[in-house]
């Protein structure tokens, strides 16, 4: 069982930066692939970034967002820069407990989800 708690969301002006954190409970964190997804009002949940236990990563927001993890702290981060109004959404952290060195991009590849943190970017 993995429990995830996101933090770091808020209101920021366009062009600003935020760092989201996701703290995980449980001893399985270091073997999990961790992902970030977001969901804007009226839209489907979409993939943002993911990182495997080995550090393999991928993201959909090239050059602006960076995912990284600290296994000693059981925490995964999403550093967001040059934020745009279209980045406004609830951001969710997710964990894939399968232990593969693989970064999934679909929500159904993840087993556990946090409650989400709101990011609002004003123009």
N, C-alpha and C. Protein backbone atom coordinates (compact mmCIF):
# COMPACT_ATOMS: atom_id res chain seq x y z
N UNK A 1 0.85 -1.18 0.00
CA UNK A 1 0.00 0.00 0.00
C UNK A 1 0.89 1.24 0.00
N UNK A 2 0.56 2.19 -0.86
CA UNK A 2 1.31 3.45 -0.95
C UNK A 2 0.32 4.59 -0.81
N UNK A 3 0.60 5.51 0.08
CA UNK A 3 -0.21 6.72 0.21
C UNK A 3 0.59 7.90 -0.27
N UNK A 4 -0.06 8.77 -1.03
CA UNK A 4 0.61 9.89 -1.66
C UNK A 4 -0.04 11.21 -1.23
N UNK A 5 0.79 12.18 -0.89
CA UNK A 5 0.28 13.49 -0.49
C UNK A 5 1.05 14.56 -1.26
N UNK A 6 0.32 15.29 -2.11
CA UNK A 6 0.92 16.36 -2.89
C UNK A 6 0.90 17.67 -2.12
N UNK A 7 1.84 18.53 -2.45
CA UNK A 7 1.88 19.88 -1.90
C UNK A 7 2.62 20.78 -2.87
N UNK A 8 2.52 22.09 -2.63
CA UNK A 8 3.28 23.03 -3.42
C UNK A 8 2.49 23.78 -4.46
N UNK A 9 1.22 23.44 -4.63
CA UNK A 9 0.41 24.17 -5.59
C UNK A 9 0.07 25.56 -5.10
N UNK A 10 -0.52 26.35 -5.99
CA UNK A 10 -0.89 27.71 -5.61
C UNK A 10 -1.18 28.56 -6.81
N UNK A 11 -1.24 29.86 -6.57
CA UNK A 11 -1.50 30.84 -7.61
C UNK A 11 -0.19 31.52 -7.99
N UNK A 12 0.09 31.55 -9.28
CA UNK A 12 1.32 32.16 -9.75
C UNK A 12 1.03 32.91 -11.04
N UNK A 13 1.79 33.94 -11.30
CA UNK A 13 1.63 34.69 -12.55
C UNK A 13 2.30 33.97 -13.70
N UNK A 14 1.81 34.21 -14.88
CA UNK A 14 2.43 33.62 -16.06
C UNK A 14 3.91 33.97 -16.11
N UNK A 15 4.71 32.99 -16.46
CA UNK A 15 6.16 33.16 -16.47
C UNK A 15 6.84 32.76 -15.18
N UNK A 16 6.04 32.52 -14.15
CA UNK A 16 6.59 32.15 -12.85
C UNK A 16 6.89 30.67 -12.74
N UNK A 17 7.30 30.28 -11.54
CA UNK A 17 7.70 28.89 -11.28
C UNK A 17 7.04 28.37 -10.02
N UNK A 18 6.87 27.06 -9.99
CA UNK A 18 6.41 26.37 -8.80
C UNK A 18 7.11 25.03 -8.73
N UNK A 19 7.27 24.52 -7.51
CA UNK A 19 7.76 23.16 -7.34
C UNK A 19 6.73 22.38 -6.56
N UNK A 20 6.23 21.35 -7.18
CA UNK A 20 5.29 20.45 -6.52
C UNK A 20 6.06 19.30 -5.87
N UNK A 21 5.56 18.88 -4.73
CA UNK A 21 6.15 17.74 -4.04
C UNK A 21 5.09 16.67 -3.83
N UNK A 22 5.52 15.45 -3.81
CA UNK A 22 4.64 14.32 -3.53
C UNK A 22 5.36 13.41 -2.55
N UNK A 23 4.87 13.38 -1.34
CA UNK A 23 5.46 12.54 -0.31
C UNK A 23 4.72 11.21 -0.26
N UNK A 24 5.49 10.14 -0.28
CA UNK A 24 4.90 8.79 -0.30
C UNK A 24 5.19 8.05 0.98
N UNK A 25 4.20 7.32 1.43
CA UNK A 25 4.41 6.44 2.58
C UNK A 25 4.68 5.04 2.06
N UNK A 26 5.25 4.21 2.90
CA UNK A 26 5.46 2.83 2.51
C UNK A 26 6.88 2.57 2.03
N UNK A 27 7.30 1.32 2.16
CA UNK A 27 8.68 0.96 1.83
C UNK A 27 8.88 0.68 0.36
N UNK A 28 7.79 0.74 -0.41
CA UNK A 28 7.89 0.38 -1.81
C UNK A 28 8.30 1.54 -2.70
N UNK A 29 8.39 2.74 -2.14
CA UNK A 29 8.57 3.92 -2.97
C UNK A 29 9.77 3.78 -3.89
N UNK A 30 10.89 3.31 -3.37
CA UNK A 30 12.13 3.30 -4.16
C UNK A 30 12.04 2.41 -5.39
N UNK A 31 11.09 1.49 -5.43
CA UNK A 31 10.94 0.60 -6.58
C UNK A 31 9.79 1.01 -7.49
N UNK A 32 9.08 2.07 -7.12
CA UNK A 32 7.92 2.52 -7.90
C UNK A 32 8.32 3.47 -9.00
N UNK A 33 7.63 3.39 -10.11
CA UNK A 33 7.63 4.48 -11.07
C UNK A 33 6.64 5.52 -10.55
N UNK A 34 7.05 6.78 -10.55
CA UNK A 34 6.23 7.87 -10.06
C UNK A 34 5.86 8.78 -11.22
N UNK A 35 4.60 9.20 -11.23
CA UNK A 35 4.14 10.05 -12.31
C UNK A 35 3.39 11.26 -11.82
N UNK A 36 3.35 12.27 -12.66
CA UNK A 36 2.51 13.44 -12.45
C UNK A 36 1.53 13.55 -13.62
N UNK A 37 0.28 13.77 -13.27
CA UNK A 37 -0.77 14.01 -14.25
C UNK A 37 -1.48 15.29 -13.85
N UNK A 38 -2.25 15.84 -14.78
CA UNK A 38 -3.04 17.02 -14.46
C UNK A 38 -4.39 16.93 -15.12
N UNK A 39 -5.34 17.64 -14.52
CA UNK A 39 -6.68 17.66 -15.07
C UNK A 39 -7.27 19.04 -14.92
N UNK A 40 -7.58 19.63 -16.04
CA UNK A 40 -8.22 20.94 -16.08
C UNK A 40 -9.73 20.75 -16.14
N UNK A 41 -10.50 21.76 -15.72
CA UNK A 41 -11.97 21.64 -15.73
C UNK A 41 -12.49 21.28 -17.12
N UNK A 42 -13.32 20.25 -17.16
CA UNK A 42 -13.92 19.84 -18.41
C UNK A 42 -13.03 19.04 -19.33
N UNK A 43 -11.83 18.72 -18.86
CA UNK A 43 -10.89 17.97 -19.70
C UNK A 43 -10.51 16.66 -19.04
N UNK A 44 -9.97 15.76 -19.84
CA UNK A 44 -9.52 14.49 -19.30
C UNK A 44 -8.18 14.66 -18.59
N UNK A 45 -7.92 13.71 -17.72
CA UNK A 45 -6.63 13.71 -17.04
C UNK A 45 -5.53 13.44 -18.06
N UNK A 46 -4.47 14.24 -18.02
CA UNK A 46 -3.40 14.08 -19.00
C UNK A 46 -2.05 13.91 -18.32
N UNK A 47 -1.20 13.20 -19.02
CA UNK A 47 0.14 12.90 -18.53
C UNK A 47 1.00 14.15 -18.56
N UNK A 48 1.81 14.32 -17.50
CA UNK A 48 2.76 15.43 -17.46
C UNK A 48 4.20 14.90 -17.47
N UNK A 49 4.53 14.03 -16.52
CA UNK A 49 5.90 13.52 -16.43
C UNK A 49 5.91 12.26 -15.57
N UNK A 50 6.95 11.45 -15.77
CA UNK A 50 7.11 10.25 -14.95
C UNK A 50 8.58 9.91 -14.84
N UNK A 51 8.91 9.21 -13.75
CA UNK A 51 10.31 8.81 -13.52
C UNK A 51 10.31 7.42 -12.88
N UNK A 52 11.16 6.55 -13.40
CA UNK A 52 11.24 5.19 -12.88
C UNK A 52 12.18 5.13 -11.69
N UNK A 53 12.29 3.95 -11.10
CA UNK A 53 13.17 3.80 -9.94
C UNK A 53 14.62 4.06 -10.29
N UNK A 54 15.00 3.83 -11.59
CA UNK A 54 16.39 4.02 -12.00
C UNK A 54 16.69 5.45 -12.43
N UNK A 55 15.63 6.27 -12.50
CA UNK A 55 15.85 7.64 -12.96
C UNK A 55 15.46 7.87 -14.41
N UNK A 56 15.04 6.81 -15.09
CA UNK A 56 14.52 6.98 -16.46
C UNK A 56 13.28 7.86 -16.39
N UNK A 57 13.22 8.86 -17.27
CA UNK A 57 12.09 9.78 -17.18
C UNK A 57 11.61 10.20 -18.56
N UNK A 58 10.41 10.69 -18.58
CA UNK A 58 9.85 11.28 -19.78
C UNK A 58 8.85 12.34 -19.36
N UNK A 59 8.56 13.28 -20.23
CA UNK A 59 7.59 14.31 -19.91
C UNK A 59 6.93 14.81 -21.18
N UNK A 60 5.83 15.49 -21.01
CA UNK A 60 5.07 15.99 -22.15
C UNK A 60 5.23 17.49 -22.33
N UNK A 61 5.93 18.13 -21.41
CA UNK A 61 6.08 19.59 -21.43
C UNK A 61 7.56 19.88 -21.60
N UNK A 62 8.02 19.76 -22.79
CA UNK A 62 9.45 19.82 -23.05
C UNK A 62 10.06 21.16 -22.67
N UNK A 63 11.13 21.05 -21.88
CA UNK A 63 11.92 22.23 -21.58
C UNK A 63 11.41 23.10 -20.46
N UNK A 64 10.18 22.84 -19.98
CA UNK A 64 9.65 23.72 -18.92
C UNK A 64 9.47 22.99 -17.59
N UNK A 65 9.16 21.72 -17.64
CA UNK A 65 8.93 20.96 -16.41
C UNK A 65 10.01 19.89 -16.26
N UNK A 66 10.42 19.66 -15.03
CA UNK A 66 11.41 18.62 -14.73
C UNK A 66 10.92 17.78 -13.56
N UNK A 67 10.98 16.48 -13.74
CA UNK A 67 10.62 15.57 -12.65
C UNK A 67 11.89 14.99 -12.06
N UNK A 68 11.94 14.89 -10.74
CA UNK A 68 13.07 14.23 -10.10
C UNK A 68 12.59 13.66 -8.78
N UNK A 69 13.38 12.76 -8.23
CA UNK A 69 12.97 12.06 -7.02
C UNK A 69 14.12 11.98 -6.02
N UNK A 70 13.74 11.88 -4.76
CA UNK A 70 14.69 11.70 -3.69
C UNK A 70 14.22 10.46 -2.92
N UNK A 71 14.81 9.32 -3.20
CA UNK A 71 14.35 8.08 -2.58
C UNK A 71 14.59 8.08 -1.07
N UNK A 72 15.60 8.79 -0.62
CA UNK A 72 15.86 8.86 0.83
C UNK A 72 14.73 9.57 1.56
N UNK A 73 14.04 10.47 0.85
CA UNK A 73 12.93 11.21 1.45
C UNK A 73 11.58 10.70 1.01
N UNK A 74 11.58 9.64 0.21
CA UNK A 74 10.30 9.11 -0.31
C UNK A 74 9.48 10.20 -0.98
N UNK A 75 10.13 11.03 -1.76
CA UNK A 75 9.47 12.17 -2.36
C UNK A 75 9.83 12.31 -3.83
N UNK A 76 8.82 12.65 -4.62
CA UNK A 76 9.04 12.99 -6.03
C UNK A 76 8.60 14.43 -6.22
N UNK A 77 9.31 15.12 -7.09
CA UNK A 77 9.08 16.55 -7.30
C UNK A 77 8.76 16.82 -8.77
N UNK A 78 8.05 17.91 -8.97
CA UNK A 78 7.84 18.43 -10.31
C UNK A 78 8.19 19.90 -10.29
N UNK A 79 9.31 20.23 -10.88
CA UNK A 79 9.74 21.63 -10.99
C UNK A 79 9.13 22.21 -12.26
N UNK A 80 8.33 23.24 -12.09
CA UNK A 80 7.64 23.86 -13.23
C UNK A 80 8.14 25.29 -13.41
N UNK A 81 8.57 25.62 -14.59
CA UNK A 81 9.06 26.96 -14.90
C UNK A 81 8.30 27.51 -16.11
N UNK A 82 8.44 28.81 -16.32
CA UNK A 82 7.80 29.48 -17.45
C UNK A 82 6.33 29.07 -17.56
N UNK A 83 5.65 29.15 -16.45
CA UNK A 83 4.26 28.68 -16.41
C UNK A 83 3.36 29.54 -17.28
N UNK A 84 2.37 28.87 -17.87
CA UNK A 84 1.41 29.52 -18.75
C UNK A 84 0.00 29.32 -18.20
N UNK A 85 -0.93 30.21 -18.56
CA UNK A 85 -2.31 30.02 -18.08
C UNK A 85 -2.88 28.63 -18.43
N UNK A 86 -2.45 28.07 -19.55
CA UNK A 86 -2.96 26.75 -19.92
C UNK A 86 -2.41 25.62 -19.06
N UNK A 87 -1.46 25.93 -18.18
CA UNK A 87 -0.97 24.93 -17.22
C UNK A 87 -1.89 24.83 -16.01
N UNK A 88 -2.88 25.71 -15.92
CA UNK A 88 -3.81 25.69 -14.81
C UNK A 88 -4.57 24.37 -14.78
N UNK A 89 -4.51 23.69 -13.63
CA UNK A 89 -5.14 22.38 -13.49
C UNK A 89 -4.94 21.89 -12.07
N UNK A 90 -5.60 20.80 -11.75
CA UNK A 90 -5.26 20.05 -10.54
C UNK A 90 -4.18 19.06 -10.94
N UNK A 91 -3.11 19.05 -10.19
CA UNK A 91 -1.98 18.17 -10.48
C UNK A 91 -1.99 17.00 -9.50
N UNK A 92 -1.92 15.80 -10.06
CA UNK A 92 -1.98 14.57 -9.28
C UNK A 92 -0.67 13.80 -9.37
N UNK A 93 -0.27 13.27 -8.26
CA UNK A 93 0.86 12.36 -8.19
C UNK A 93 0.34 10.93 -8.23
N UNK A 94 1.08 10.05 -8.86
CA UNK A 94 0.65 8.65 -8.96
C UNK A 94 1.84 7.72 -8.85
N UNK A 95 1.56 6.51 -8.40
CA UNK A 95 2.62 5.50 -8.23
C UNK A 95 2.25 4.21 -8.94
N UNK A 96 3.21 3.69 -9.68
CA UNK A 96 3.11 2.39 -10.34
C UNK A 96 3.99 1.43 -9.56
N UNK A 97 3.38 0.49 -8.87
CA UNK A 97 4.13 -0.37 -7.94
C UNK A 97 4.75 -1.60 -8.63
N UNK A 98 4.63 -1.72 -9.94
CA UNK A 98 5.08 -2.94 -10.61
C UNK A 98 6.59 -3.17 -10.51
N UNK A 99 7.37 -2.11 -10.26
CA UNK A 99 8.80 -2.30 -10.10
C UNK A 99 9.58 -2.41 -11.40
N UNK A 100 8.92 -2.09 -12.52
CA UNK A 100 9.62 -2.14 -13.80
C UNK A 100 10.41 -0.85 -14.02
N UNK A 101 11.45 -0.95 -14.82
CA UNK A 101 12.21 0.24 -15.20
C UNK A 101 11.53 0.83 -16.43
N UNK A 102 10.35 1.35 -16.19
CA UNK A 102 9.45 1.75 -17.27
C UNK A 102 8.68 2.97 -16.82
N UNK A 103 8.45 3.90 -17.74
CA UNK A 103 7.72 5.10 -17.40
C UNK A 103 6.41 5.12 -18.19
N UNK A 104 5.33 4.83 -17.51
CA UNK A 104 4.03 4.82 -18.16
C UNK A 104 3.49 6.22 -18.33
N UNK A 105 2.68 6.39 -19.36
CA UNK A 105 2.09 7.69 -19.63
C UNK A 105 0.56 7.65 -19.57
N UNK A 106 -0.01 6.50 -19.27
CA UNK A 106 -1.46 6.39 -19.17
C UNK A 106 -1.89 6.28 -17.73
N UNK A 107 -3.00 6.91 -17.35
CA UNK A 107 -3.45 6.81 -15.95
C UNK A 107 -3.68 5.37 -15.50
N UNK A 108 -4.12 4.50 -16.41
CA UNK A 108 -4.44 3.13 -15.98
C UNK A 108 -3.20 2.29 -15.70
N UNK A 109 -2.02 2.85 -15.91
CA UNK A 109 -0.78 2.15 -15.59
C UNK A 109 -0.34 2.40 -14.15
N UNK A 110 -1.08 3.22 -13.44
CA UNK A 110 -0.72 3.60 -12.08
C UNK A 110 -1.72 3.03 -11.08
N UNK A 111 -1.17 2.64 -9.93
CA UNK A 111 -1.97 1.93 -8.94
C UNK A 111 -2.49 2.83 -7.82
N UNK A 112 -1.75 3.86 -7.49
CA UNK A 112 -2.11 4.71 -6.37
C UNK A 112 -2.07 6.18 -6.81
N UNK A 113 -2.96 6.96 -6.21
CA UNK A 113 -3.09 8.37 -6.55
C UNK A 113 -3.19 9.24 -5.31
N UNK A 114 -2.64 10.44 -5.41
CA UNK A 114 -2.83 11.42 -4.37
C UNK A 114 -4.13 12.17 -4.57
N UNK A 115 -4.39 13.10 -3.68
CA UNK A 115 -5.65 13.84 -3.71
C UNK A 115 -5.59 15.04 -4.67
N UNK A 116 -4.40 15.39 -5.10
CA UNK A 116 -4.24 16.49 -6.04
C UNK A 116 -3.93 17.81 -5.37
N UNK A 117 -3.28 18.68 -6.12
CA UNK A 117 -2.98 20.03 -5.65
C UNK A 117 -3.27 20.99 -6.80
N UNK A 118 -3.94 22.09 -6.47
CA UNK A 118 -4.38 23.04 -7.50
C UNK A 118 -3.23 23.97 -7.89
N UNK A 119 -3.04 24.10 -9.19
CA UNK A 119 -2.11 25.08 -9.74
C UNK A 119 -2.91 26.03 -10.62
N UNK A 120 -2.82 27.31 -10.31
CA UNK A 120 -3.52 28.33 -11.08
C UNK A 120 -2.51 29.34 -11.58
N UNK A 121 -2.48 29.54 -12.90
CA UNK A 121 -1.55 30.49 -13.50
C UNK A 121 -2.36 31.64 -14.08
N UNK A 122 -2.12 32.83 -13.57
CA UNK A 122 -2.86 33.99 -14.05
C UNK A 122 -2.09 34.69 -15.17
N UNK A 123 -2.85 35.28 -16.07
CA UNK A 123 -2.23 35.94 -17.22
C UNK A 123 -1.91 37.40 -16.92
